[in-house]
Amino acid sequence: MRRAGGIEILVAESLAAIPWLVHGFSTRPGGESHLGEERVLNLGFTDWDAREKVTQNRGKLRRALGAEDMPLVALRQIHSDAAHVFSAAPAEPLQGDAAISQEPGLLLTVQTADCVPILLADRKRRVVAAVHAGWRGTLARIAVKALGRMRLEFGTRPEDVTAALGPAIGRCCYEVGPEVAQAFAGQFPPASDWFDGPFERLVLGEEPNPLPWLTMMPPGHQPPPERVQLDLRAANRWQLEDAGVAPRNIAVSTLCTACRTDLLFSYRREGAGTGRLMAAIGIRAREH
C-alpha cells in the first residue's frame, strides 16, 4: 500500500521493480465522491455519481501514480474475450475487456467492483496490458487471449511476462449456481480445485433431494438450487501458468472486495449503488 495525494494505492512489488513501468490498483477511501457521509474514490461513471466528480477522482489517481501527463484509456467492459491494441487514446471507449499497448505515455485501465483486475507486463519488449476478468471472461480465457494478442502483435513470450492479479471477490464470498460450475468443469481439467461446496454433484446434475414428496415442503415450494463458491483468482492464475507465465512471476492479492468494503467496492455485497475500483498500467514516456 502506498499513500499519495490523499489516496491509497496498492502496488505489486514485482511490477514496481520494472523501472519503465507505472501501475497501481485503486482503493475506496478519499476522492471527491460521496456515498452517504463517506468520501470515496469512485472511478466509474455510475448513475449515482456526478461525472465531474469521477473525472476529478481519475485525475487524483493519475497524480498518485505519477502519471498526470498520461491520457487514461478506458474500455466499455462487456464481460467478453475482446482485446484491443492501442497506439493512442481513442475518442470514445471501445467495447472489450483487455487493453494492450507498446506506446509510451498511455495509461491503460480496467474497472472492477468484484471481478479480477489483471495487469501484464512484457519485461523484454515493453508491452503492457490491463485485463478485466469476471466469471464469463475467465471462462472465455480473456487473460490468455490478451497474452496471445501481445504475442501476435509484438512478439511477447509468456516467460518474459510479469503478472499481478489485484483485489477481487474471494472464494469465501463468491457464490455461483450449477450452470457456472458445469461450464467451468467442461472447460478446465482442474476446475474442481477452484470450487468449494457440492461441485461434483452440481456438475453431474444430481438432484440433492431425488424424492421431494418425502419432504414436508408444500408443492411449488422446493428449496433453491444448491450453490458453490468459486475462486476466480485461482482460475486466472492457473490459466496464466498454463499459458507459460512462470509461477514466480505472478503476484496475487489476497484482499476480498466483499470482505473489505472499508477499503474496496463490492457490487455483490453493496449492490449497484457502490463505486468502481480501477487498475492501471502504462509505460513511462521517460524513465524515472
C-alpha atoms as a PDB file:
ATOM      1  CA  MET A   1       0.000   0.000   0.000  1.00  0.00           C
ATOM      2  CA  ARG A   2       1.264   3.443  -0.923  1.00  0.00           C
ATOM      3  CA  ARG A   3      -0.312   6.709   0.104  1.00  0.00           C
ATOM      4  CA  ALA A   4      -0.033   9.630  -2.329  1.00  0.00           C
ATOM      5  CA  GLY A   5      -2.135  12.697  -2.995  1.00  0.00           C
ATOM      6  CA  GLY A   6      -4.548  11.869  -0.189  1.00  0.00           C
ATOM      7  CA  ILE A   7      -5.460   8.410  -1.511  1.00  0.00           C
ATOM      8  CA  GLU A   8      -4.081   4.887  -1.075  1.00  0.00           C
ATOM      9  CA  ILE A   9      -2.832   2.794  -3.970  1.00  0.00           C
ATOM     10  CA  LEU A  10      -1.988  -0.907  -3.947  1.00  0.00           C
ATOM     11  CA  VAL A  11       1.099  -1.924  -5.921  1.00  0.00           C
ATOM     12  CA  ALA A  12       2.733  -5.234  -6.806  1.00  0.00           C
ATOM     13  CA  GLU A  13       6.393  -5.321  -5.824  1.00  0.00           C
ATOM     14  CA  SER A  14       7.251  -7.347  -8.918  1.00  0.00           C
ATOM     15  CA  LEU A  15       5.816  -4.695 -11.222  1.00  0.00           C
ATOM     16  CA  ALA A  16       7.213  -1.834  -9.142  1.00  0.00           C
ATOM     17  CA  ALA A  17      10.698  -3.253  -9.754  1.00  0.00           C
ATOM     18  CA  ILE A  18      10.393  -2.571 -13.506  1.00  0.00           C
ATOM     19  CA  PRO A  19      11.844   0.955 -13.938  1.00  0.00           C
ATOM     20  CA  TRP A  20       9.940   1.957 -17.083  1.00  0.00           C
ATOM     21  CA  LEU A  21       6.559   0.885 -15.729  1.00  0.00           C
ATOM     22  CA  VAL A  22       3.802   2.753 -13.887  1.00  0.00           C
ATOM     23  CA  HIS A  23       0.978   0.782 -12.296  1.00  0.00           C
ATOM     24  CA  GLY A  24      -1.437   0.563  -9.374  1.00  0.00           C
ATOM     25  CA  PHE A  25      -4.764  -0.689  -8.030  1.00  0.00           C
ATOM     26  CA  SER A  26      -7.043   1.947  -6.532  1.00  0.00           C
ATOM     27  CA  THR A  27      -8.828   1.675  -3.184  1.00  0.00           C
ATOM     28  CA  ARG A  28     -12.030   3.158  -1.785  1.00  0.00           C
ATOM     29  CA  PRO A  29     -11.133   5.914   0.724  1.00  0.00           C
ATOM     30  CA  GLY A  30     -10.623   9.543  -0.238  1.00  0.00           C
ATOM     31  CA  GLY A  31     -11.719  11.063  -3.505  1.00  0.00           C
ATOM     32  CA  GLU A  32     -14.346  13.657  -4.325  1.00  0.00           C
ATOM     33  CA  SER A  33     -17.428  11.412  -4.486  1.00  0.00           C
ATOM     34  CA  HIS A  34     -19.866  10.798  -1.623  1.00  0.00           C
ATOM     35  CA  LEU A  35     -21.670   7.612  -0.606  1.00  0.00           C
ATOM     36  CA  GLY A  36     -23.820   8.929   2.209  1.00  0.00           C
ATOM     37  CA  GLU A  37     -21.391  10.682   4.529  1.00  0.00           C
ATOM     38  CA  GLU A  38     -18.402   8.731   3.195  1.00  0.00           C
ATOM     39  CA  ARG A  39     -15.938  10.333   0.783  1.00  0.00           C
ATOM     40  CA  VAL A  40     -14.904   7.747  -1.775  1.00  0.00           C
ATOM     41  CA  LEU A  41     -12.638   7.403  -4.795  1.00  0.00           C
ATOM     42  CA  ASN A  42     -15.252   6.228  -7.283  1.00  0.00           C
ATOM     43  CA  LEU A  43     -13.587   5.849 -10.682  1.00  0.00           C
ATOM     44  CA  GLY A  44     -16.558   4.673 -12.758  1.00  0.00           C
ATOM     45  CA  PHE A  45     -19.268   6.745 -14.411  1.00  0.00           C
ATOM     46  CA  THR A  46     -22.156   5.382 -12.325  1.00  0.00           C
ATOM     47  CA  ASP A  47     -25.758   6.602 -12.137  1.00  0.00           C
ATOM     48  CA  TRP A  48     -25.405   7.880  -8.574  1.00  0.00           C
ATOM     49  CA  ASP A  49     -22.250   9.956  -9.064  1.00  0.00           C
ATOM     50  CA  ALA A  50     -21.654  13.208 -10.917  1.00  0.00           C
ATOM     51  CA  ARG A  51     -19.452  12.936 -13.999  1.00  0.00           C
ATOM     52  CA  GLU A  52     -17.259  15.830 -12.887  1.00  0.00           C
ATOM     53  CA  LYS A  53     -16.560  14.094  -9.564  1.00  0.00           C
ATOM     54  CA  VAL A  54     -15.441  10.922 -11.328  1.00  0.00           C
ATOM     55  CA  THR A  55     -13.228  12.975 -13.636  1.00  0.00           C
ATOM     56  CA  GLN A  56     -11.648  14.638 -10.590  1.00  0.00           C
ATOM     57  CA  ASN A  57     -11.117  11.233  -8.986  1.00  0.00           C
ATOM     58  CA  ARG A  58      -9.406   9.931 -12.110  1.00  0.00           C
ATOM     59  CA  GLY A  59      -7.140  12.961 -12.008  1.00  0.00           C
ATOM     60  CA  LYS A  60      -6.257  12.168  -8.385  1.00  0.00           C
ATOM     61  CA  LEU A  61      -5.427   8.589  -9.356  1.00  0.00           C
ATOM     62  CA  ARG A  62      -3.169   9.681 -12.204  1.00  0.00           C
ATOM     63  CA  ARG A  63      -1.341  12.131  -9.943  1.00  0.00           C
ATOM     64  CA  ALA A  64      -0.929   9.493  -7.223  1.00  0.00           C
ATOM     65  CA  LEU A  65       0.591   7.140  -9.797  1.00  0.00           C
ATOM     66  CA  GLY A  66       2.906   9.836 -11.133  1.00  0.00           C
ATOM     67  CA  ALA A  67       1.047   9.590 -14.452  1.00  0.00           C
ATOM     68  CA  GLU A  68      -0.607  13.006 -14.605  1.00  0.00           C
ATOM     69  CA  ASP A  69       0.720  13.553 -18.144  1.00  0.00           C
ATOM     70  CA  MET A  70      -0.557  10.179 -19.404  1.00  0.00           C
ATOM     71  CA  PRO A  71      -4.004  10.070 -21.068  1.00  0.00           C
ATOM     72  CA  LEU A  72      -6.232   7.452 -19.496  1.00  0.00           C
ATOM     73  CA  VAL A  73      -7.507   4.654 -21.755  1.00  0.00           C
ATOM     74  CA  ALA A  74     -10.734   3.058 -20.506  1.00  0.00           C
ATOM     75  CA  LEU A  75     -12.942   0.367 -22.025  1.00  0.00           C
ATOM     76  CA  ARG A  76     -16.680  -0.176 -22.253  1.00  0.00           C
ATOM     77  CA  GLN A  77     -16.465  -3.515 -20.476  1.00  0.00           C
ATOM     78  CA  ILE A  78     -18.879  -6.230 -21.587  1.00  0.00           C
ATOM     79  CA  HIS A  79     -17.597  -9.448 -19.906  1.00  0.00           C
ATOM     80  CA  SER A  80     -16.124 -10.663 -23.196  1.00  0.00           C
ATOM     81  CA  ASP A  81     -12.867 -12.069 -24.598  1.00  0.00           C
ATOM     82  CA  ALA A  82     -12.252  -8.970 -26.758  1.00  0.00           C
ATOM     83  CA  ALA A  83      -8.763  -7.430 -26.503  1.00  0.00           C
ATOM     84  CA  HIS A  84      -7.785  -4.137 -28.167  1.00  0.00           C
ATOM     85  CA  VAL A  85      -4.350  -2.772 -29.037  1.00  0.00           C
ATOM     86  CA  PHE A  86      -3.892   0.980 -28.554  1.00  0.00           C
ATOM     87  CA  SER A  87      -1.306   3.314 -30.062  1.00  0.00           C
ATOM     88  CA  ALA A  88      -3.217   6.401 -28.852  1.00  0.00           C
ATOM     89  CA  ALA A  89      -6.139   7.169 -26.573  1.00  0.00           C
ATOM     90  CA  PRO A  90      -9.420   6.724 -28.515  1.00  0.00           C
ATOM     91  CA  ALA A  91     -12.018   9.487 -28.716  1.00  0.00           C
ATOM     92  CA  GLU A  92     -14.632   7.079 -27.285  1.00  0.00           C
ATOM     93  CA  PRO A  93     -14.140   3.922 -25.214  1.00  0.00           C
ATOM     94  CA  LEU A  94     -14.080   0.692 -27.230  1.00  0.00           C
ATOM     95  CA  GLN A  95     -16.120  -2.343 -26.186  1.00  0.00           C
ATOM     96  CA  GLY A  96     -13.957  -5.070 -24.733  1.00  0.00           C
ATOM     97  CA  ASP A  97     -12.223  -6.366 -21.626  1.00  0.00           C
ATOM     98  CA  ALA A  98      -8.493  -6.117 -22.300  1.00  0.00           C
ATOM     99  CA  ALA A  99      -6.345  -3.167 -23.366  1.00  0.00           C
ATOM    100  CA  ILE A 100      -2.825  -3.665 -24.758  1.00  0.00           C
ATOM    101  CA  SER A 101      -0.130  -1.192 -25.765  1.00  0.00           C
ATOM    102  CA  GLN A 102       3.566  -0.759 -26.541  1.00  0.00           C
ATOM    103  CA  GLU A 103       3.157   3.014 -26.756  1.00  0.00           C
ATOM    104  CA  PRO A 104       4.901   5.047 -24.027  1.00  0.00           C
ATOM    105  CA  GLY A 105       2.732   7.620 -22.289  1.00  0.00           C
ATOM    106  CA  LEU A 106      -0.627   5.766 -22.294  1.00  0.00           C
ATOM    107  CA  LEU A 107      -2.310   4.659 -19.048  1.00  0.00           C
ATOM    108  CA  LEU A 108      -4.364   1.506 -19.704  1.00  0.00           C
ATOM    109  CA  THR A 109      -7.158   0.836 -17.194  1.00  0.00           C
ATOM    110  CA  VAL A 110      -9.935  -1.573 -16.263  1.00  0.00           C
ATOM    111  CA  GLN A 111     -12.712  -1.034 -13.712  1.00  0.00           C
ATOM    112  CA  THR A 112     -13.860  -3.596 -11.171  1.00  0.00           C
ATOM    113  CA  ALA A 113     -16.106  -3.986  -8.150  1.00  0.00           C
ATOM    114  CA  ASP A 114     -15.626  -7.764  -7.579  1.00  0.00           C
ATOM    115  CA  CYS A 115     -14.176  -9.057 -10.870  1.00  0.00           C
ATOM    116  CA  VAL A 116     -10.457  -9.763 -11.163  1.00  0.00           C
ATOM    117  CA  PRO A 117      -8.211  -6.955 -12.451  1.00  0.00           C
ATOM    118  CA  ILE A 118      -5.095  -8.366 -14.145  1.00  0.00           C
ATOM    119  CA  LEU A 119      -2.039  -6.336 -15.136  1.00  0.00           C
ATOM    120  CA  LEU A 120       0.540  -7.825 -17.521  1.00  0.00           C
ATOM    121  CA  ALA A 121       3.990  -6.528 -18.459  1.00  0.00           C
ATOM    122  CA  ASP A 122       6.410  -7.971 -21.015  1.00  0.00           C
ATOM    123  CA  ARG A 123       9.766  -7.052 -19.491  1.00  0.00           C
ATOM    124  CA  LYS A 124      11.757  -7.643 -22.702  1.00  0.00           C
ATOM    125  CA  ARG A 125       9.625  -5.972 -25.364  1.00  0.00           C
ATOM    126  CA  ARG A 126       7.988  -3.349 -23.146  1.00  0.00           C
ATOM    127  CA  VAL A 127       4.378  -4.301 -23.789  1.00  0.00           C
ATOM    128  CA  VAL A 128       1.648  -3.860 -21.174  1.00  0.00           C
ATOM    129  CA  ALA A 129      -1.957  -4.961 -20.780  1.00  0.00           C
ATOM    130  CA  ALA A 130      -4.857  -4.361 -18.421  1.00  0.00           C
ATOM    131  CA  VAL A 131      -7.471  -7.137 -18.242  1.00  0.00           C
ATOM    132  CA  HIS A 132     -10.951  -7.373 -16.669  1.00  0.00           C
ATOM    133  CA  ALA A 133     -11.964 -10.950 -15.782  1.00  0.00           C
ATOM    134  CA  GLY A 134     -15.359 -11.783 -14.332  1.00  0.00           C
ATOM    135  CA  TRP A 135     -16.622 -15.349 -14.453  1.00  0.00           C
ATOM    136  CA  ARG A 136     -17.679 -15.004 -18.098  1.00  0.00           C
ATOM    137  CA  GLY A 137     -14.344 -13.500 -19.113  1.00  0.00           C
ATOM    138  CA  THR A 138     -12.490 -16.132 -17.102  1.00  0.00           C
ATOM    139  CA  LEU A 139     -14.486 -18.871 -18.798  1.00  0.00           C
ATOM    140  CA  ALA A 140     -13.605 -17.288 -22.164  1.00  0.00           C
ATOM    141  CA  ARG A 141      -9.890 -17.134 -21.177  1.00  0.00           C
ATOM    142  CA  ILE A 142      -9.643 -13.364 -21.540  1.00  0.00           C
ATOM    143  CA  ALA A 143      -6.211 -13.177 -19.826  1.00  0.00           C
ATOM    144  CA  VAL A 144      -4.734 -15.861 -22.086  1.00  0.00           C
ATOM    145  CA  LYS A 145      -6.238 -14.226 -25.167  1.00  0.00           C
ATOM    146  CA  ALA A 146      -4.668 -10.916 -24.132  1.00  0.00           C
ATOM    147  CA  LEU A 147      -1.327 -12.733 -23.886  1.00  0.00           C
ATOM    148  CA  GLY A 148      -1.909 -14.225 -27.323  1.00  0.00           C
ATOM    149  CA  ARG A 149      -2.652 -10.812 -28.790  1.00  0.00           C
ATOM    150  CA  MET A 150       0.555  -9.449 -27.208  1.00  0.00           C
ATOM    151  CA  ARG A 151       2.474 -12.278 -28.862  1.00  0.00           C
ATOM    152  CA  LEU A 152       0.786 -11.760 -32.239  1.00  0.00           C
ATOM    153  CA  GLU A 153       1.307  -8.003 -32.329  1.00  0.00           C
ATOM    154  CA  PHE A 154       4.631  -7.585 -30.537  1.00  0.00           C
ATOM    155  CA  GLY A 155       6.304 -10.979 -30.214  1.00  0.00           C
ATOM    156  CA  THR A 156       5.701 -11.326 -26.467  1.00  0.00           C
ATOM    157  CA  ARG A 157       6.839 -14.617 -24.928  1.00  0.00           C
ATOM    158  CA  PRO A 158       4.959 -15.779 -21.797  1.00  0.00           C
ATOM    159  CA  GLU A 159       8.245 -16.457 -19.991  1.00  0.00           C
ATOM    160  CA  ASP A 160       9.036 -12.722 -20.234  1.00  0.00           C
ATOM    161  CA  VAL A 161       5.741 -11.645 -18.654  1.00  0.00           C
ATOM    162  CA  THR A 162       5.157 -10.431 -15.109  1.00  0.00           C
ATOM    163  CA  ALA A 163       1.519 -10.520 -13.961  1.00  0.00           C
ATOM    164  CA  ALA A 164      -0.384  -9.087 -10.999  1.00  0.00           C
ATOM    165  CA  LEU A 165      -3.933 -10.042 -10.026  1.00  0.00           C
ATOM    166  CA  GLY A 166      -5.495  -7.348  -7.876  1.00  0.00           C
ATOM    167  CA  PRO A 167      -8.235  -7.304  -5.227  1.00  0.00           C
ATOM    168  CA  ALA A 168     -11.363  -9.238  -6.211  1.00  0.00           C
ATOM    169  CA  ILE A 169     -14.189 -11.117  -4.580  1.00  0.00           C
ATOM    170  CA  GLY A 170     -12.746 -14.185  -2.876  1.00  0.00           C
ATOM    171  CA  ARG A 171     -13.765 -17.817  -2.761  1.00  0.00           C
ATOM    172  CA  CYS A 172     -15.120 -17.023   0.705  1.00  0.00           C
ATOM    173  CA  CYS A 173     -17.874 -14.771  -0.673  1.00  0.00           C
ATOM    174  CA  TYR A 174     -18.456 -15.621  -4.337  1.00  0.00           C
ATOM    175  CA  GLU A 175     -21.412 -17.979  -4.683  1.00  0.00           C
ATOM    176  CA  VAL A 176     -22.418 -19.232  -8.132  1.00  0.00           C
ATOM    177  CA  GLY A 177     -25.000 -21.693  -9.395  1.00  0.00           C
ATOM    178  CA  PRO A 178     -24.897 -25.064 -11.149  1.00  0.00           C
ATOM    179  CA  GLU A 179     -24.675 -23.539 -14.626  1.00  0.00           C
ATOM    180  CA  VAL A 180     -21.373 -21.818 -13.774  1.00  0.00           C
ATOM    181  CA  ALA A 181     -19.913 -24.934 -12.142  1.00  0.00           C
ATOM    182  CA  GLN A 182     -20.888 -27.033 -15.152  1.00  0.00           C
ATOM    183  CA  ALA A 183     -19.435 -24.512 -17.610  1.00  0.00           C
ATOM    184  CA  PHE A 184     -16.072 -24.440 -15.806  1.00  0.00           C
ATOM    185  CA  ALA A 185     -15.975 -28.217 -15.453  1.00  0.00           C
ATOM    186  CA  GLY A 186     -16.462 -28.534 -19.202  1.00  0.00           C
ATOM    187  CA  GLN A 187     -13.574 -26.167 -19.992  1.00  0.00           C
ATOM    188  CA  PHE A 188     -10.844 -26.722 -17.402  1.00  0.00           C
ATOM    189  CA  PRO A 189      -9.445 -30.032 -16.090  1.00  0.00           C
ATOM    190  CA  PRO A 190      -8.511 -28.647 -12.628  1.00  0.00           C
ATOM    191  CA  ALA A 191     -11.798 -26.756 -12.160  1.00  0.00           C
ATOM    192  CA  SER A 192     -12.767 -28.757  -9.058  1.00  0.00           C
ATOM    193  CA  ASP A 193      -9.809 -27.175  -7.232  1.00  0.00           C
ATOM    194  CA  TRP A 194     -11.365 -23.723  -7.633  1.00  0.00           C
ATOM    195  CA  PHE A 195     -14.715 -24.510  -6.009  1.00  0.00           C
ATOM    196  CA  ASP A 196     -15.996 -25.149  -2.503  1.00  0.00           C
ATOM    197  CA  GLY A 197     -19.291 -26.919  -1.943  1.00  0.00           C
ATOM    198  CA  PRO A 198     -21.071 -29.764  -3.767  1.00  0.00           C
ATOM    199  CA  PHE A 199     -19.177 -29.194  -7.021  1.00  0.00           C
ATOM    200  CA  GLU A 200     -19.237 -32.784  -8.300  1.00  0.00           C
ATOM    201  CA  ARG A 201     -22.945 -33.212  -7.614  1.00  0.00           C
ATOM    202  CA  LEU A 202     -23.814 -29.973  -9.405  1.00  0.00           C
ATOM    203  CA  VAL A 203     -21.613 -30.843 -12.364  1.00  0.00           C
ATOM    204  CA  LEU A 204     -23.264 -34.240 -12.700  1.00  0.00           C
ATOM    205  CA  GLY A 205     -26.694 -32.674 -12.347  1.00  0.00           C
ATOM    206  CA  GLU A 206     -27.633 -34.904  -9.438  1.00  0.00           C
ATOM    207  CA  GLU A 207     -30.745 -33.916  -7.531  1.00  0.00           C
ATOM    208  CA  PRO A 208     -29.902 -33.332  -3.829  1.00  0.00           C
ATOM    209  CA  ASN A 209     -33.427 -34.439  -2.912  1.00  0.00           C
ATOM    210  CA  PRO A 210     -34.486 -37.040  -5.500  1.00  0.00           C
ATOM    211  CA  LEU A 211     -37.732 -37.801  -3.624  1.00  0.00           C
ATOM    212  CA  PRO A 212     -39.194 -34.349  -2.876  1.00  0.00           C
ATOM    213  CA  TRP A 213     -42.553 -35.863  -1.992  1.00  0.00           C
ATOM    214  CA  LEU A 214     -40.921 -37.269   1.152  1.00  0.00           C
ATOM    215  CA  THR A 215     -40.205 -33.770   2.487  1.00  0.00           C
ATOM    216  CA  MET A 216     -42.565 -31.506   4.381  1.00  0.00           C
ATOM    217  CA  MET A 217     -42.249 -28.768   1.705  1.00  0.00           C
ATOM    218  CA  PRO A 218     -45.618 -27.870   0.160  1.00  0.00           C
ATOM    219  CA  PRO A 219     -45.992 -28.172  -3.632  1.00  0.00           C
ATOM    220  CA  GLY A 220     -44.292 -25.344  -5.513  1.00  0.00           C
ATOM    221  CA  HIS A 221     -42.049 -24.509  -2.552  1.00  0.00           C
ATOM    222  CA  GLN A 222     -38.941 -26.531  -3.259  1.00  0.00           C
ATOM    223  CA  PRO A 223     -35.668 -25.265  -1.795  1.00  0.00           C
ATOM    224  CA  PRO A 224     -33.496 -23.140  -4.126  1.00  0.00           C
ATOM    225  CA  PRO A 225     -30.763 -24.831  -6.196  1.00  0.00           C
ATOM    226  CA  GLU A 226     -27.549 -25.602  -4.400  1.00  0.00           C
ATOM    227  CA  ARG A 227     -24.674 -23.146  -4.763  1.00  0.00           C
ATOM    228  CA  VAL A 228     -20.896 -23.443  -4.814  1.00  0.00           C
ATOM    229  CA  GLN A 229     -18.164 -20.906  -4.107  1.00  0.00           C
ATOM    230  CA  LEU A 230     -15.720 -20.017  -6.895  1.00  0.00           C
ATOM    231  CA  ASP A 231     -12.129 -18.761  -6.632  1.00  0.00           C
ATOM    232  CA  LEU A 232     -11.804 -16.557  -9.715  1.00  0.00           C
ATOM    233  CA  ARG A 233      -8.219 -15.569  -8.971  1.00  0.00           C
ATOM    234  CA  ALA A 234      -7.111 -19.202  -8.743  1.00  0.00           C
ATOM    235  CA  ALA A 235      -8.757 -19.887 -12.099  1.00  0.00           C
ATOM    236  CA  ASN A 236      -6.983 -16.970 -13.768  1.00  0.00           C
ATOM    237  CA  ARG A 237      -3.661 -17.792 -12.156  1.00  0.00           C
ATOM    238  CA  TRP A 238      -3.871 -21.358 -13.473  1.00  0.00           C
ATOM    239  CA  GLN A 239      -4.673 -20.091 -16.969  1.00  0.00           C
ATOM    240  CA  LEU A 240      -1.635 -17.797 -16.971  1.00  0.00           C
ATOM    241  CA  GLU A 241       0.631 -20.596 -15.728  1.00  0.00           C
ATOM    242  CA  ASP A 242      -0.833 -22.990 -18.287  1.00  0.00           C
ATOM    243  CA  ALA A 243      -0.046 -20.409 -20.990  1.00  0.00           C
ATOM    244  CA  GLY A 244       3.614 -20.341 -19.936  1.00  0.00           C
ATOM    245  CA  VAL A 245       3.898 -17.493 -17.429  1.00  0.00           C
ATOM    246  CA  ALA A 246       6.274 -18.577 -14.653  1.00  0.00           C
ATOM    247  CA  PRO A 247       4.527 -19.041 -11.276  1.00  0.00           C
ATOM    248  CA  ARG A 248       7.181 -16.882  -9.586  1.00  0.00           C
ATOM    249  CA  ASN A 249       6.200 -14.029 -11.936  1.00  0.00           C
ATOM    250  CA  ILE A 250       2.530 -13.995 -10.921  1.00  0.00           C
ATOM    251  CA  ALA A 251       1.545 -11.913  -7.885  1.00  0.00           C
ATOM    252  CA  VAL A 252      -1.958 -12.400  -6.463  1.00  0.00           C
ATOM    253  CA  SER A 253      -3.664 -10.119  -3.952  1.00  0.00           C
ATOM    254  CA  THR A 254      -5.473 -11.866  -1.104  1.00  0.00           C
ATOM    255  CA  LEU A 255      -7.850  -8.951  -0.469  1.00  0.00           C
ATOM    256  CA  CYS A 256     -11.536  -9.852  -0.905  1.00  0.00           C
ATOM    257  CA  THR A 257     -13.682  -6.963  -2.118  1.00  0.00           C
ATOM    258  CA  ALA A 258     -16.788  -8.311  -0.357  1.00  0.00           C
ATOM    259  CA  CYS A 259     -14.983  -8.800   2.971  1.00  0.00           C
ATOM    260  CA  ARG A 260     -13.193  -5.439   2.866  1.00  0.00           C
ATOM    261  CA  THR A 261     -15.811  -2.846   1.943  1.00  0.00           C
ATOM    262  CA  ASP A 262     -13.942  -0.495   4.283  1.00  0.00           C
ATOM    263  CA  LEU A 263     -11.123  -0.474   1.700  1.00  0.00           C
ATOM    264  CA  LEU A 264     -12.717  -1.631  -1.560  1.00  0.00           C
ATOM    265  CA  PHE A 265     -16.008  -1.597  -3.502  1.00  0.00           C
ATOM    266  CA  SER A 266     -18.131  -4.743  -3.910  1.00  0.00           C
ATOM    267  CA  TYR A 267     -21.093  -4.988  -6.271  1.00  0.00           C
ATOM    268  CA  ARG A 268     -22.054  -8.372  -4.824  1.00  0.00           C
ATOM    269  CA  ARG A 269     -22.079  -7.058  -1.239  1.00  0.00           C
ATOM    270  CA  GLU A 270     -23.347  -3.492  -1.795  1.00  0.00           C
ATOM    271  CA  GLY A 271     -25.388  -3.583  -4.998  1.00  0.00           C
ATOM    272  CA  ALA A 272     -25.474  -1.222  -7.972  1.00  0.00           C
ATOM    273  CA  GLY A 273     -25.092   1.832  -5.745  1.00  0.00           C
ATOM    274  CA  THR A 274     -21.442   1.125  -4.994  1.00  0.00           C
ATOM    275  CA  GLY A 275     -18.398   2.633  -6.704  1.00  0.00           C
ATOM    276  CA  ARG A 276     -15.804   1.251  -9.075  1.00  0.00           C
ATOM    277  CA  LEU A 277     -12.136   0.493  -8.492  1.00  0.00           C
ATOM    278  CA  MET A 278      -9.561   0.948 -11.225  1.00  0.00           C
ATOM    279  CA  ALA A 279      -6.407  -0.973 -12.108  1.00  0.00           C
ATOM    280  CA  ALA A 280      -3.919   0.936 -14.257  1.00  0.00           C
ATOM    281  CA  ILE A 281      -0.683   0.191 -16.095  1.00  0.00           C
ATOM    282  CA  GLY A 282       1.445   2.111 -18.549  1.00  0.00           C
ATOM    283  CA  ILE A 283       4.900   2.699 -19.996  1.00  0.00           C
ATOM    284  CA  ARG A 284       6.583   5.860 -18.809  1.00  0.00           C
ATOM    285  CA  ALA A 285       7.385   8.350 -21.549  1.00  0.00           C
ATOM    286  CA  ARG A 286      10.680   8.915 -19.739  1.00  0.00           C
ATOM    287  CA  GLU A 287      12.255   6.550 -17.246  1.00  0.00           C
ATOM    288  CA  HIS A 288      12.495   7.877 -13.695  1.00  0.00           C
END
